[in-house]
Amino acid sequence: MSKKNLKITSTILSATLMISLASFTVFAESQIYTNEDPNSTEGQYFTAEDPRGIGEFTDKEIKDGLEKSDMACEVIAIRKKSISNSKSVTAKDIAKVKDYIKKYAPDSVEDDYISKEKGDISVSAIGDWQSKNLHLPGEVQEYGNYCAPASIQAILKHKGLSKTQTELAKLCGIVPNGSGTILYKVAPALNYYNKASGRSNLSYKYYTLLPSAVQASEWNVKMADSAIATIVGNYGVVYDVHQVKGSAHYLQGYSTMVSGNIYHYVAGEGFDSSDPSNRICYYYDSNNLKDNLGDRHMHVTFQTMGVLTNDMGLVY
């Protein structure tokens, strides 16, 4: 072999090793490889054109996700009002709640959203003086890239639907230890088992709320209220998070992250808004490569979750 060829071969091997080590570091913390070979037939691969693994949503899908969020925010505002003073709820308010239930939460009831308790408390933000935790029966993900299947599994199991991560991974379009699930696949995987599909008696339907459809200044509130409205109706949500090394905002247990970027899905299971200035978001973290998460039922503020999802999205 000539020196020229040897030099080229050495350069290629060095580059390959650097890529492999970089991929391993990301994978070891985050469940997702980024910028994998787009020509591979195994799983969904993120590309330079879609480095965050969002996928291609139609205009209708984006609009539908936003319309549900708008209604969810109205419903949570009505719930806040009912908690503050149940007598202040109008017939128009009740009609809005019923419309939301009919369209998006047929398995829920009016009392889930409108408090009938007497009260006269001062509230300053949507969702204040509320708390609920579904305590999703999550399981540790079986492979490093199975955070989406594991999150979906926890939500379905809470509703009495026991599905394996292998089954759910197929719906997500991924294979063991391959790339991670693109966001576009998550809602359809959840909806695969709804009543409309004929695979259960549960009349739910999940949508995706994308930050690109919302004013940046409104994301935190719309994301939080959309999640809360879903959880109030007794269904979990999926947070698609992006953690950046050096940021002030992390999921619990990730503040010492080595990778520059960590992309991860967690299953939202609850909230506590009793402190208006510090609303809490509860979630289940399935990461099998983290041994510092205790029982994996974790929490951060909604402010932090808003930052972590503001370039990714919410499935609710």
Protein backbone atom coordinates (compact mmCIF):
# COMPACT_ATOMS: atom_id res chain seq x y z
CA MET A 1 0.00 0.00 0.00
CA SER A 2 1.41 3.41 -0.95
CA LYS A 3 1.99 6.10 1.65
CA LYS A 4 -0.72 8.17 -0.02
CA ASN A 5 -3.26 5.34 0.26
CA LEU A 6 -2.12 4.57 3.79
CA LYS A 7 -2.64 8.20 4.77
CA ILE A 8 -6.12 8.26 3.24
CA THR A 9 -7.03 4.98 4.97
CA SER A 10 -5.70 6.29 8.29
CA THR A 11 -7.72 9.49 7.91
CA ILE A 12 -10.90 7.55 7.15
CA LEU A 13 -10.39 5.25 10.13
CA SER A 14 -9.76 8.21 12.44
CA ALA A 15 -12.86 10.00 11.22
CA THR A 16 -14.91 6.83 11.59
CA LEU A 17 -13.66 6.34 15.15
CA MET A 18 -14.48 9.96 16.05
CA ILE A 19 -18.02 9.60 14.68
CA SER A 20 -18.50 6.30 16.49
CA LEU A 21 -17.34 7.74 19.81
CA ALA A 22 -19.53 10.82 19.39
CA SER A 23 -22.54 8.68 18.56
CA PHE A 24 -21.90 6.44 21.53
CA THR A 25 -21.73 9.39 23.91
CA VAL A 26 -25.07 10.75 22.72
CA PHE A 27 -26.65 7.31 22.74
CA ALA A 28 -25.38 6.45 26.21
CA GLU A 29 -27.27 9.34 27.72
CA SER A 30 -30.18 10.05 25.49
CA GLN A 31 -31.79 7.20 23.55
CA ILE A 32 -31.21 8.91 20.22
CA TYR A 33 -28.53 8.84 17.58
CA THR A 34 -28.56 11.97 15.45
CA ASN A 35 -27.60 12.35 11.80
CA GLU A 36 -27.40 8.63 11.12
CA ASP A 37 -27.09 7.17 7.63
CA PRO A 38 -30.28 8.32 5.82
CA ASN A 39 -29.99 5.44 3.35
CA SER A 40 -30.30 2.75 5.99
CA THR A 41 -33.47 0.66 5.96
CA GLU A 42 -33.40 0.12 9.71
CA GLY A 43 -35.65 2.42 11.70
CA GLN A 44 -36.23 6.15 11.39
CA TYR A 45 -33.06 8.14 10.92
CA PHE A 46 -32.60 11.83 11.58
CA THR A 47 -31.00 13.77 8.75
CA ALA A 48 -29.27 17.10 8.28
CA GLU A 49 -32.59 18.44 6.99
CA ASP A 50 -34.40 17.26 10.15
CA PRO A 51 -31.73 17.06 12.88
CA ARG A 52 -34.26 17.11 15.73
CA GLY A 53 -36.34 14.23 14.38
CA ILE A 54 -39.65 16.08 14.09
CA GLY A 55 -40.91 14.63 10.80
CA GLU A 56 -43.23 16.17 8.24
CA PHE A 57 -46.63 17.27 9.53
CA THR A 58 -49.36 18.36 7.14
CA ASP A 59 -50.92 21.80 7.48
CA LYS A 60 -54.11 20.13 8.71
CA GLU A 61 -52.29 18.16 11.39
CA ILE A 62 -50.60 21.32 12.63
CA LYS A 63 -53.91 23.21 12.61
CA ASP A 64 -55.73 20.39 14.40
CA GLY A 65 -53.08 20.29 17.12
CA LEU A 66 -53.36 24.04 17.62
CA GLU A 67 -57.17 24.04 17.68
CA LYS A 68 -57.22 21.42 20.41
CA SER A 69 -54.71 23.48 22.39
CA ASP A 70 -56.84 26.61 22.05
CA MET A 71 -59.86 24.75 23.42
CA ALA A 72 -57.78 23.15 26.16
CA CYS A 73 -56.62 26.57 27.34
CA GLU A 74 -60.23 27.79 27.46
CA VAL A 75 -61.28 24.74 29.46
CA ILE A 76 -58.47 25.16 31.97
CA ALA A 77 -59.40 28.84 32.34
CA ILE A 78 -62.98 27.75 33.10
CA ARG A 79 -61.72 25.18 35.58
CA LYS A 80 -59.66 27.87 37.30
CA LYS A 81 -62.75 30.03 37.52
CA SER A 82 -64.83 27.19 38.92
CA ILE A 83 -62.26 26.53 41.63
CA SER A 84 -62.12 30.20 42.54
CA ASN A 85 -65.91 30.53 42.63
CA SER A 86 -68.12 27.74 41.35
CA LYS A 87 -71.06 30.11 41.04
CA SER A 88 -69.18 32.17 38.47
CA VAL A 89 -69.33 29.39 35.87
CA THR A 90 -71.86 30.29 33.19
CA ALA A 91 -74.00 28.15 30.91
CA LYS A 92 -71.70 29.21 28.07
CA ASP A 93 -68.70 27.94 30.05
CA ILE A 94 -70.36 24.58 30.63
CA ALA A 95 -71.21 24.33 26.94
CA LYS A 96 -67.54 24.92 26.05
CA VAL A 97 -66.41 22.19 28.43
CA LYS A 98 -68.98 19.77 27.02
CA ASP A 99 -67.82 20.58 23.50
CA TYR A 100 -64.20 19.90 24.47
CA ILE A 101 -65.16 16.57 26.04
CA LYS A 102 -67.18 15.57 22.99
CA LYS A 103 -64.36 16.40 20.58
CA TYR A 104 -61.29 15.39 22.53
CA ALA A 105 -62.08 13.52 25.74
CA PRO A 106 -65.20 11.35 25.35
CA ASP A 107 -64.08 9.10 28.20
CA SER A 108 -64.05 12.07 30.60
CA VAL A 109 -66.92 13.74 32.44
CA GLU A 110 -67.86 17.33 33.15
CA ASP A 111 -66.86 17.06 36.81
CA ASP A 112 -63.26 16.36 35.75
CA TYR A 113 -63.05 19.91 34.44
CA ILE A 114 -65.50 21.98 36.48
CA SER A 115 -65.20 22.10 40.24
CA LYS A 116 -68.52 22.00 42.09
CA GLU A 117 -66.90 22.89 45.38
CA LYS A 118 -67.77 26.19 46.96
CA GLY A 119 -64.85 28.52 47.25
CA ASP A 120 -63.57 32.03 46.92
CA ILE A 121 -59.79 31.85 46.53
CA SER A 122 -57.55 34.23 44.67
CA VAL A 123 -55.81 32.72 41.65
CA SER A 124 -53.42 34.47 39.30
CA ALA A 125 -52.57 31.89 36.64
CA ILE A 126 -54.38 29.22 34.66
CA GLY A 127 -54.37 25.90 36.49
CA ASP A 128 -53.61 27.33 39.94
CA TRP A 129 -54.81 25.44 43.02
CA GLN A 130 -55.02 22.19 41.11
CA SER A 131 -52.99 19.02 41.42
CA LYS A 132 -53.27 15.54 39.98
CA ASN A 133 -50.91 12.64 39.43
CA LEU A 134 -51.88 9.60 37.36
CA HIS A 135 -48.82 7.66 38.61
CA LEU A 136 -48.32 6.02 35.24
CA PRO A 137 -47.21 2.36 35.49
CA GLY A 138 -44.05 2.93 33.50
CA GLU A 139 -41.35 0.40 32.76
CA VAL A 140 -37.66 0.88 32.04
CA GLN A 141 -37.06 0.94 28.29
CA GLU A 142 -35.62 -2.26 26.90
CA TYR A 143 -33.16 -0.59 24.52
CA GLY A 144 -31.35 2.72 24.50
CA ASN A 145 -33.52 4.19 21.73
CA TYR A 146 -36.89 2.96 23.09
CA CYS A 147 -37.88 6.07 25.09
CA ALA A 148 -40.88 6.74 22.83
CA PRO A 149 -42.23 3.15 22.94
CA ALA A 150 -41.72 3.08 26.72
CA SER A 151 -43.54 6.40 27.18
CA ILE A 152 -46.42 5.22 25.00
CA GLN A 153 -46.50 1.92 26.89
CA ALA A 154 -46.90 3.71 30.24
CA ILE A 155 -49.81 5.81 28.95
CA LEU A 156 -51.65 2.86 27.41
CA LYS A 157 -51.06 0.59 30.41
CA HIS A 158 -52.61 3.22 32.68
CA LYS A 159 -55.78 2.87 30.58
CA GLY A 160 -55.75 -0.93 30.80
CA LEU A 161 -54.02 -1.62 27.47
CA SER A 162 -50.95 -3.82 27.97
CA LYS A 163 -48.65 -3.61 24.94
CA THR A 164 -45.04 -4.65 24.64
CA GLN A 165 -42.30 -2.22 23.78
CA THR A 166 -41.52 -4.43 20.78
CA GLU A 167 -45.04 -3.93 19.43
CA LEU A 168 -44.88 -0.19 20.02
CA ALA A 169 -41.40 0.14 18.52
CA LYS A 170 -42.75 -1.28 15.25
CA LEU A 171 -45.45 1.40 15.24
CA CYS A 172 -42.77 4.00 15.91
CA GLY A 173 -40.72 2.69 13.00
CA ILE A 174 -37.59 1.84 14.99
CA VAL A 175 -35.46 -1.19 15.72
CA PRO A 176 -33.41 -2.11 18.84
CA ASN A 177 -30.40 0.17 19.33
CA GLY A 178 -31.05 2.02 16.11
CA SER A 179 -32.10 5.62 15.82
CA GLY A 180 -34.83 7.25 17.88
CA THR A 181 -38.49 7.82 17.06
CA ILE A 182 -39.40 10.89 15.03
CA LEU A 183 -42.09 13.00 16.70
CA TYR A 184 -44.48 12.53 13.79
CA LYS A 185 -44.82 8.83 14.68
CA VAL A 186 -45.82 9.20 18.35
CA ALA A 187 -49.46 10.32 18.14
CA PRO A 188 -50.34 7.73 15.45
CA ALA A 189 -48.77 5.00 17.59
CA LEU A 190 -50.99 6.01 20.52
CA ASN A 191 -54.06 6.34 18.31
CA TYR A 192 -53.48 2.90 16.80
CA TYR A 193 -55.22 1.48 19.87
CA ASN A 194 -58.20 3.85 20.18
CA LYS A 195 -61.86 3.03 19.65
CA ALA A 196 -61.88 4.38 16.11
CA SER A 197 -59.29 1.75 15.20
CA GLY A 198 -61.48 -1.00 16.62
CA ARG A 199 -58.66 -2.12 18.93
CA SER A 200 -60.14 -0.86 22.22
CA ASN A 201 -63.19 0.80 23.73
CA LEU A 202 -61.27 3.98 24.59
CA SER A 203 -62.48 6.99 22.63
CA TYR A 204 -59.34 9.09 22.87
CA LYS A 205 -57.34 10.72 20.09
CA TYR A 206 -53.89 12.22 20.49
CA TYR A 207 -52.64 15.29 18.66
CA THR A 208 -49.26 17.02 18.43
CA LEU A 209 -48.68 20.62 19.45
CA LEU A 210 -45.68 22.07 17.64
CA PRO A 211 -43.79 25.14 18.87
CA SER A 212 -43.64 26.41 15.28
CA ALA A 213 -47.43 26.85 15.37
CA VAL A 214 -47.34 28.97 18.53
CA GLN A 215 -45.94 32.40 19.34
CA ALA A 216 -42.68 31.83 21.23
CA SER A 217 -43.92 33.96 24.13
CA GLU A 218 -47.03 31.78 24.44
CA TRP A 219 -45.42 28.33 24.26
CA ASN A 220 -44.93 27.70 27.97
CA VAL A 221 -48.54 28.50 28.86
CA LYS A 222 -50.12 26.70 25.90
CA MET A 223 -47.94 23.64 26.37
CA ALA A 224 -48.65 23.48 30.11
CA ASP A 225 -52.39 24.06 29.81
CA SER A 226 -52.72 21.54 26.98
CA ALA A 227 -50.90 18.94 29.06
CA ILE A 228 -52.93 19.74 32.17
CA ALA A 229 -56.24 19.51 30.30
CA THR A 230 -55.26 16.06 29.03
CA ILE A 231 -54.15 14.84 32.45
CA VAL A 232 -57.31 16.24 34.11
CA GLY A 233 -59.17 14.00 31.65
CA ASN A 234 -57.17 11.01 32.98
CA TYR A 235 -54.76 10.53 30.08
CA GLY A 236 -51.00 10.90 30.09
CA VAL A 237 -49.02 13.00 27.62
CA VAL A 238 -45.63 12.71 25.93
CA TYR A 239 -43.06 15.47 26.27
CA ASP A 240 -40.44 15.58 23.51
CA VAL A 241 -37.46 17.24 25.18
CA HIS A 242 -34.14 18.64 24.02
CA GLN A 243 -31.47 19.20 26.65
CA VAL A 244 -28.40 21.28 25.88
CA LYS A 245 -25.16 21.01 27.82
CA GLY A 246 -24.49 24.18 29.75
CA SER A 247 -28.13 25.21 29.87
CA ALA A 248 -29.87 26.18 33.10
CA HIS A 249 -32.69 23.74 32.36
CA TYR A 250 -32.50 19.93 32.59
CA LEU A 251 -34.67 16.97 33.46
CA GLN A 252 -33.90 15.59 36.90
CA GLY A 253 -30.69 13.56 36.85
CA TYR A 254 -29.17 15.09 33.71
CA SER A 255 -27.38 18.19 34.98
CA THR A 256 -24.00 16.47 34.58
CA MET A 257 -24.66 15.42 30.99
CA VAL A 258 -21.57 14.78 28.84
CA SER A 259 -23.15 15.05 25.40
CA GLY A 260 -23.71 18.45 23.86
CA ASN A 261 -27.35 17.60 23.09
CA ILE A 262 -29.74 15.04 24.51
CA TYR A 263 -33.07 14.29 22.80
CA HIS A 264 -35.50 12.26 24.85
CA TYR A 265 -39.19 11.40 25.35
CA VAL A 266 -40.79 11.22 28.79
CA ALA A 267 -44.37 10.39 29.79
CA GLY A 268 -46.22 13.24 31.49
CA GLU A 269 -48.31 11.96 34.39
CA GLY A 270 -49.30 14.90 36.57
CA PHE A 271 -49.10 18.47 37.74
CA ASP A 272 -49.27 20.60 40.86
CA SER A 273 -50.28 24.23 40.48
CA SER A 274 -50.92 25.00 44.14
CA ASP A 275 -48.02 27.48 44.03
CA PRO A 276 -48.80 29.90 41.17
CA SER A 277 -45.18 30.96 40.85
CA ASN A 278 -43.81 27.42 40.72
CA ARG A 279 -46.11 25.05 38.86
CA ILE A 280 -44.78 21.50 38.92
CA CYS A 281 -44.77 18.99 36.06
CA TYR A 282 -44.64 15.29 36.96
CA TYR A 283 -43.35 12.72 34.48
CA TYR A 284 -42.04 9.17 34.18
CA ASP A 285 -38.52 8.79 32.76
CA SER A 286 -37.83 5.35 31.27
CA ASN A 287 -34.14 5.91 30.44
CA ASN A 288 -32.44 2.54 30.92
CA LEU A 289 -29.01 4.11 30.77
CA LYS A 290 -29.51 6.32 33.81
CA ASP A 291 -29.08 4.73 37.23
CA ASN A 292 -29.67 7.88 39.27
CA LEU A 293 -33.42 8.30 38.73
CA GLY A 294 -34.76 6.45 41.76
CA ASP A 295 -38.29 5.21 41.06
CA ARG A 296 -38.26 7.23 37.81
CA HIS A 297 -41.32 9.28 38.81
CA MET A 298 -39.68 12.66 38.46
CA HIS A 299 -40.64 16.33 38.39
CA VAL A 300 -39.48 19.70 37.11
CA THR A 301 -41.20 23.07 36.94
CA PHE A 302 -43.40 23.75 33.94
CA GLN A 303 -41.05 26.63 33.22
CA THR A 304 -38.24 24.12 32.74
CA MET A 305 -40.41 21.71 30.73
CA GLY A 306 -41.44 24.62 28.53
CA VAL A 307 -37.81 25.42 27.76
CA LEU A 308 -36.97 21.76 27.12
CA THR A 309 -39.84 21.31 24.66
CA ASN A 310 -39.81 24.69 22.92
CA ASP A 311 -38.03 23.40 19.82
CA MET A 312 -39.57 19.91 19.93
CA GLY A 313 -43.24 19.43 20.88
CA LEU A 314 -46.01 17.91 22.98
CA VAL A 315 -48.19 14.88 22.20
CA TYR A 316 -51.45 15.20 24.07
